[in-house]
Amino acid sequence: MAILVTTPTSKIGSALVSLLTKQGIDSRLGAHTVEKAQKLFPEADIVALDLSDTVSIKGALDGVTRLYLAPPREDSPVAPLLQTIEFAKAAGVKRIVLGACHLCSE
C-alpha cells in the first residue's frame, strides 16, 4: 500500500514527498508537527508521529508497506529509530530506507 515518510517537513523529506506525489505513489506523512506538514502538503494523509511514543509509531505504521525513516534532528538518539524499525518489521513493512548518515558511525 503506502509508504510512510517521517520528517516530511525537512529538506529531504519534503523533496521525497513531492516526488512521490508527482509519481502518484500513495504516501502517509508522519509528522511531529502536523500543522506544519499540512501547510506544505494540504492534500496529504498526515498523522502525528513522535518516535518516543509507541502508540503514535504503531498508528503511523498501520497499513504501510514501506518506510522512509529519518531522525527529526542530527543529534537524535538512536534507540527510538531502532525501536521504530522493530515495530515496522512486526507491522509487515517490507522495505525500510534509513535517511540518517550519522547512524553509520554508531
N, C-alpha and C. Protein backbone atom coordinates (compact mmCIF):
# COMPACT_ATOMS: atom_id res chain seq x y z
N MET A 1 0.84 -1.20 0.00
CA MET A 1 0.00 0.00 0.00
C MET A 1 0.88 1.25 0.00
N ALA A 2 0.94 1.92 1.10
CA ALA A 2 1.58 3.24 1.17
C ALA A 2 2.99 3.19 1.73
N ILE A 3 3.68 4.27 1.52
CA ILE A 3 4.97 4.48 2.13
C ILE A 3 4.79 5.54 3.21
N LEU A 4 5.33 5.27 4.40
CA LEU A 4 5.32 6.25 5.49
C LEU A 4 6.60 7.06 5.39
N VAL A 5 6.46 8.37 5.29
CA VAL A 5 7.60 9.27 5.22
C VAL A 5 7.69 10.01 6.55
N THR A 6 8.79 9.80 7.27
CA THR A 6 9.00 10.55 8.50
C THR A 6 9.75 11.83 8.16
N THR A 7 9.72 12.78 9.04
CA THR A 7 10.31 14.11 8.85
C THR A 7 9.93 14.72 7.49
N PRO A 8 8.62 14.77 7.16
CA PRO A 8 8.21 15.26 5.85
C PRO A 8 8.42 16.75 5.64
N THR A 9 8.70 17.49 6.70
CA THR A 9 8.92 18.93 6.54
C THR A 9 10.41 19.27 6.45
N SER A 10 11.27 18.27 6.54
CA SER A 10 12.70 18.51 6.37
C SER A 10 13.01 18.72 4.89
N LYS A 11 14.22 19.15 4.60
CA LYS A 11 14.61 19.38 3.21
C LYS A 11 14.47 18.10 2.37
N ILE A 12 15.04 17.02 2.85
CA ILE A 12 14.97 15.76 2.10
C ILE A 12 13.57 15.17 2.15
N GLY A 13 12.95 15.19 3.32
CA GLY A 13 11.61 14.64 3.44
C GLY A 13 10.60 15.32 2.54
N SER A 14 10.64 16.65 2.48
CA SER A 14 9.69 17.37 1.63
C SER A 14 9.96 17.12 0.15
N ALA A 15 11.23 16.99 -0.22
CA ALA A 15 11.56 16.66 -1.62
C ALA A 15 11.05 15.27 -1.96
N LEU A 16 11.20 14.33 -1.04
CA LEU A 16 10.72 12.97 -1.27
C LEU A 16 9.20 12.95 -1.42
N VAL A 17 8.50 13.66 -0.55
CA VAL A 17 7.04 13.71 -0.63
C VAL A 17 6.60 14.31 -1.97
N SER A 18 7.27 15.35 -2.41
CA SER A 18 6.93 15.96 -3.70
C SER A 18 7.12 14.97 -4.84
N LEU A 19 8.22 14.24 -4.82
CA LEU A 19 8.48 13.24 -5.87
C LEU A 19 7.44 12.12 -5.85
N LEU A 20 7.12 11.63 -4.67
CA LEU A 20 6.12 10.57 -4.56
C LEU A 20 4.77 11.05 -5.06
N THR A 21 4.40 12.28 -4.71
CA THR A 21 3.13 12.84 -5.14
C THR A 21 3.08 12.97 -6.66
N LYS A 22 4.15 13.49 -7.25
CA LYS A 22 4.21 13.64 -8.71
C LYS A 22 4.09 12.30 -9.44
N GLN A 23 4.61 11.25 -8.80
CA GLN A 23 4.57 9.92 -9.42
C GLN A 23 3.29 9.16 -9.06
N GLY A 24 2.43 9.78 -8.26
CA GLY A 24 1.17 9.14 -7.90
C GLY A 24 1.33 7.99 -6.92
N ILE A 25 2.40 8.00 -6.15
CA ILE A 25 2.65 6.94 -5.18
C ILE A 25 1.96 7.29 -3.86
N ASP A 26 1.17 6.36 -3.37
CA ASP A 26 0.42 6.55 -2.14
C ASP A 26 1.38 6.71 -0.96
N SER A 27 1.22 7.79 -0.21
CA SER A 27 2.11 8.01 0.93
C SER A 27 1.33 8.52 2.13
N ARG A 28 1.92 8.30 3.27
CA ARG A 28 1.42 8.84 4.54
C ARG A 28 2.58 9.60 5.15
N LEU A 29 2.30 10.76 5.68
CA LEU A 29 3.35 11.58 6.27
C LEU A 29 3.26 11.52 7.79
N GLY A 30 4.33 11.09 8.41
CA GLY A 30 4.39 11.04 9.86
C GLY A 30 5.13 12.26 10.36
N ALA A 31 4.38 13.21 10.91
CA ALA A 31 4.95 14.50 11.28
C ALA A 31 4.86 14.75 12.77
N HIS A 32 5.92 15.30 13.31
CA HIS A 32 5.91 15.71 14.71
C HIS A 32 4.98 16.91 14.89
N THR A 33 5.02 17.83 13.93
CA THR A 33 4.13 19.00 13.95
C THR A 33 3.20 18.89 12.74
N VAL A 34 2.01 18.36 12.99
CA VAL A 34 1.05 18.10 11.92
C VAL A 34 0.68 19.38 11.18
N GLU A 35 0.48 20.46 11.89
CA GLU A 35 0.07 21.72 11.26
C GLU A 35 1.09 22.21 10.24
N LYS A 36 2.36 22.07 10.55
CA LYS A 36 3.42 22.47 9.62
C LYS A 36 3.38 21.62 8.35
N ALA A 37 3.18 20.32 8.52
CA ALA A 37 3.09 19.42 7.36
C ALA A 37 1.85 19.73 6.53
N GLN A 38 0.74 20.06 7.19
CA GLN A 38 -0.49 20.37 6.46
C GLN A 38 -0.34 21.63 5.61
N LYS A 39 0.45 22.58 6.07
CA LYS A 39 0.69 23.80 5.28
C LYS A 39 1.48 23.46 4.01
N LEU A 40 2.44 22.57 4.12
CA LEU A 40 3.25 22.18 2.96
C LEU A 40 2.51 21.24 2.03
N PHE A 41 1.73 20.33 2.60
CA PHE A 41 1.07 19.28 1.83
C PHE A 41 -0.39 19.17 2.25
N PRO A 42 -1.22 20.14 1.86
CA PRO A 42 -2.60 20.18 2.35
C PRO A 42 -3.47 18.99 1.95
N GLU A 43 -3.13 18.30 0.89
CA GLU A 43 -3.95 17.17 0.43
C GLU A 43 -3.44 15.82 0.94
N ALA A 44 -2.35 15.81 1.69
CA ALA A 44 -1.70 14.56 2.08
C ALA A 44 -2.38 13.89 3.28
N ASP A 45 -2.14 12.60 3.39
CA ASP A 45 -2.54 11.81 4.56
C ASP A 45 -1.45 12.04 5.61
N ILE A 46 -1.76 12.85 6.62
CA ILE A 46 -0.77 13.22 7.63
C ILE A 46 -1.21 12.70 8.98
N VAL A 47 -0.28 12.05 9.67
CA VAL A 47 -0.55 11.56 11.02
C VAL A 47 0.51 12.11 11.97
N ALA A 48 0.11 12.25 13.23
CA ALA A 48 1.07 12.67 14.25
C ALA A 48 2.04 11.52 14.49
N LEU A 49 3.32 11.84 14.53
CA LEU A 49 4.34 10.81 14.78
C LEU A 49 5.40 11.37 15.71
N ASP A 50 5.54 10.70 16.83
CA ASP A 50 6.56 11.03 17.82
C ASP A 50 7.34 9.75 18.06
N LEU A 51 8.59 9.71 17.68
CA LEU A 51 9.38 8.48 17.76
C LEU A 51 9.63 8.03 19.19
N SER A 52 9.25 8.84 20.17
CA SER A 52 9.36 8.41 21.56
C SER A 52 8.02 7.92 22.10
N ASP A 53 7.01 7.85 21.24
CA ASP A 53 5.67 7.43 21.65
C ASP A 53 5.25 6.18 20.87
N THR A 54 5.24 5.05 21.55
CA THR A 54 4.92 3.77 20.94
C THR A 54 3.58 3.78 20.21
N VAL A 55 2.57 4.38 20.82
CA VAL A 55 1.24 4.40 20.23
C VAL A 55 1.25 5.16 18.90
N SER A 56 1.93 6.29 18.84
CA SER A 56 1.94 7.06 17.59
C SER A 56 2.74 6.34 16.51
N ILE A 57 3.79 5.66 16.89
CA ILE A 57 4.59 4.90 15.91
C ILE A 57 3.74 3.78 15.30
N LYS A 58 3.12 3.00 16.16
CA LYS A 58 2.31 1.86 15.67
C LYS A 58 1.13 2.35 14.84
N GLY A 59 0.51 3.46 15.23
CA GLY A 59 -0.59 4.01 14.45
C GLY A 59 -0.15 4.49 13.08
N ALA A 60 1.00 5.14 13.02
CA ALA A 60 1.51 5.64 11.75
C ALA A 60 1.88 4.50 10.81
N LEU A 61 2.36 3.40 11.36
CA LEU A 61 2.78 2.25 10.55
C LEU A 61 1.62 1.39 10.07
N ASP A 62 0.46 1.56 10.64
CA ASP A 62 -0.69 0.73 10.31
C ASP A 62 -1.03 0.84 8.82
N GLY A 63 -0.92 -0.28 8.11
CA GLY A 63 -1.30 -0.32 6.71
C GLY A 63 -0.23 0.10 5.72
N VAL A 64 0.95 0.46 6.18
CA VAL A 64 2.00 0.83 5.23
C VAL A 64 2.91 -0.37 4.96
N THR A 65 3.52 -0.38 3.79
CA THR A 65 4.41 -1.48 3.43
C THR A 65 5.86 -1.03 3.25
N ARG A 66 6.06 0.29 3.23
CA ARG A 66 7.40 0.84 3.07
C ARG A 66 7.57 2.01 4.03
N LEU A 67 8.82 2.27 4.39
CA LEU A 67 9.11 3.31 5.38
C LEU A 67 10.37 4.08 5.01
N TYR A 68 10.25 5.40 4.96
CA TYR A 68 11.43 6.27 4.90
C TYR A 68 11.59 6.81 6.31
N LEU A 69 12.66 6.43 6.98
CA LEU A 69 12.86 6.76 8.39
C LEU A 69 14.09 7.64 8.55
N ALA A 70 13.87 8.82 9.08
CA ALA A 70 14.97 9.75 9.36
C ALA A 70 14.71 10.38 10.71
N PRO A 71 15.77 10.67 11.45
CA PRO A 71 15.58 11.31 12.75
C PRO A 71 15.14 12.76 12.57
N PRO A 72 14.41 13.29 13.55
CA PRO A 72 13.97 14.68 13.44
C PRO A 72 15.13 15.69 13.52
N ARG A 73 16.22 15.28 14.17
CA ARG A 73 17.40 16.16 14.29
C ARG A 73 18.66 15.31 14.13
N GLU A 74 19.74 15.93 13.77
CA GLU A 74 21.01 15.22 13.59
C GLU A 74 21.47 14.56 14.89
N ASP A 75 21.17 15.19 16.03
CA ASP A 75 21.64 14.66 17.31
C ASP A 75 20.59 13.78 18.01
N SER A 76 19.61 13.30 17.26
CA SER A 76 18.57 12.46 17.84
C SER A 76 19.16 11.14 18.33
N PRO A 77 18.64 10.61 19.43
CA PRO A 77 19.13 9.32 19.91
C PRO A 77 18.76 8.19 18.94
N VAL A 78 19.58 7.17 18.93
CA VAL A 78 19.41 6.06 18.00
C VAL A 78 18.32 5.09 18.48
N ALA A 79 18.15 4.93 19.77
CA ALA A 79 17.22 3.94 20.31
C ALA A 79 15.80 4.06 19.75
N PRO A 80 15.20 5.27 19.65
CA PRO A 80 13.86 5.35 19.08
C PRO A 80 13.79 4.91 17.61
N LEU A 81 14.86 5.16 16.87
CA LEU A 81 14.89 4.72 15.47
C LEU A 81 14.93 3.20 15.39
N LEU A 82 15.74 2.59 16.22
CA LEU A 82 15.84 1.13 16.23
C LEU A 82 14.51 0.51 16.66
N GLN A 83 13.86 1.12 17.65
CA GLN A 83 12.55 0.64 18.09
C GLN A 83 11.53 0.75 16.96
N THR A 84 11.58 1.85 16.23
CA THR A 84 10.65 2.06 15.11
C THR A 84 10.87 1.01 14.03
N ILE A 85 12.12 0.66 13.76
CA ILE A 85 12.43 -0.38 12.78
C ILE A 85 11.84 -1.72 13.23
N GLU A 86 11.96 -2.04 14.51
CA GLU A 86 11.40 -3.28 15.02
C GLU A 86 9.87 -3.29 14.90
N PHE A 87 9.23 -2.17 15.23
CA PHE A 87 7.77 -2.07 15.08
C PHE A 87 7.37 -2.20 13.60
N ALA A 88 8.16 -1.60 12.72
CA ALA A 88 7.87 -1.68 11.29
C ALA A 88 7.93 -3.11 10.80
N LYS A 89 8.96 -3.83 11.20
CA LYS A 89 9.07 -5.23 10.80
C LYS A 89 7.89 -6.03 11.33
N ALA A 90 7.50 -5.80 12.57
CA ALA A 90 6.36 -6.51 13.17
C ALA A 90 5.05 -6.17 12.46
N ALA A 91 4.96 -4.94 11.93
CA ALA A 91 3.75 -4.49 11.24
C ALA A 91 3.70 -4.98 9.78
N GLY A 92 4.77 -5.64 9.32
CA GLY A 92 4.78 -6.16 7.96
C GLY A 92 5.37 -5.23 6.93
N VAL A 93 6.08 -4.20 7.37
CA VAL A 93 6.74 -3.30 6.42
C VAL A 93 7.82 -4.10 5.70
N LYS A 94 7.81 -4.00 4.37
CA LYS A 94 8.71 -4.81 3.54
C LYS A 94 10.02 -4.11 3.18
N ARG A 95 10.01 -2.79 3.16
CA ARG A 95 11.21 -2.05 2.77
C ARG A 95 11.37 -0.83 3.67
N ILE A 96 12.57 -0.65 4.20
CA ILE A 96 12.88 0.49 5.06
C ILE A 96 14.11 1.19 4.49
N VAL A 97 13.98 2.49 4.29
CA VAL A 97 15.11 3.31 3.87
C VAL A 97 15.46 4.19 5.05
N LEU A 98 16.69 4.11 5.48
CA LEU A 98 17.16 4.88 6.62
C LEU A 98 17.83 6.14 6.11
N GLY A 99 17.24 7.27 6.41
CA GLY A 99 17.78 8.54 5.93
C GLY A 99 18.58 9.27 6.97
N ALA A 100 19.55 8.58 7.59
CA ALA A 100 20.32 9.21 8.65
C ALA A 100 21.77 8.74 8.57
N CYS A 101 22.62 9.56 8.01
CA CYS A 101 24.02 9.18 7.82
C CYS A 101 24.77 8.98 9.14
N HIS A 102 24.40 9.73 10.18
CA HIS A 102 25.16 9.64 11.43
C HIS A 102 25.03 8.27 12.09
N LEU A 103 24.05 7.48 11.70
CA LEU A 103 23.92 6.13 12.27
C LEU A 103 25.04 5.22 11.81
N CYS A 104 25.64 5.52 10.68
CA CYS A 104 26.68 4.66 10.13
C CYS A 104 27.89 4.59 11.05
N SER A 105 28.11 5.60 11.88
CA SER A 105 29.29 5.61 12.73
C SER A 105 29.02 5.02 14.10
N GLU A 106 27.79 4.62 14.39
CA GLU A 106 27.47 4.08 15.72
C GLU A 106 27.36 2.58 15.70
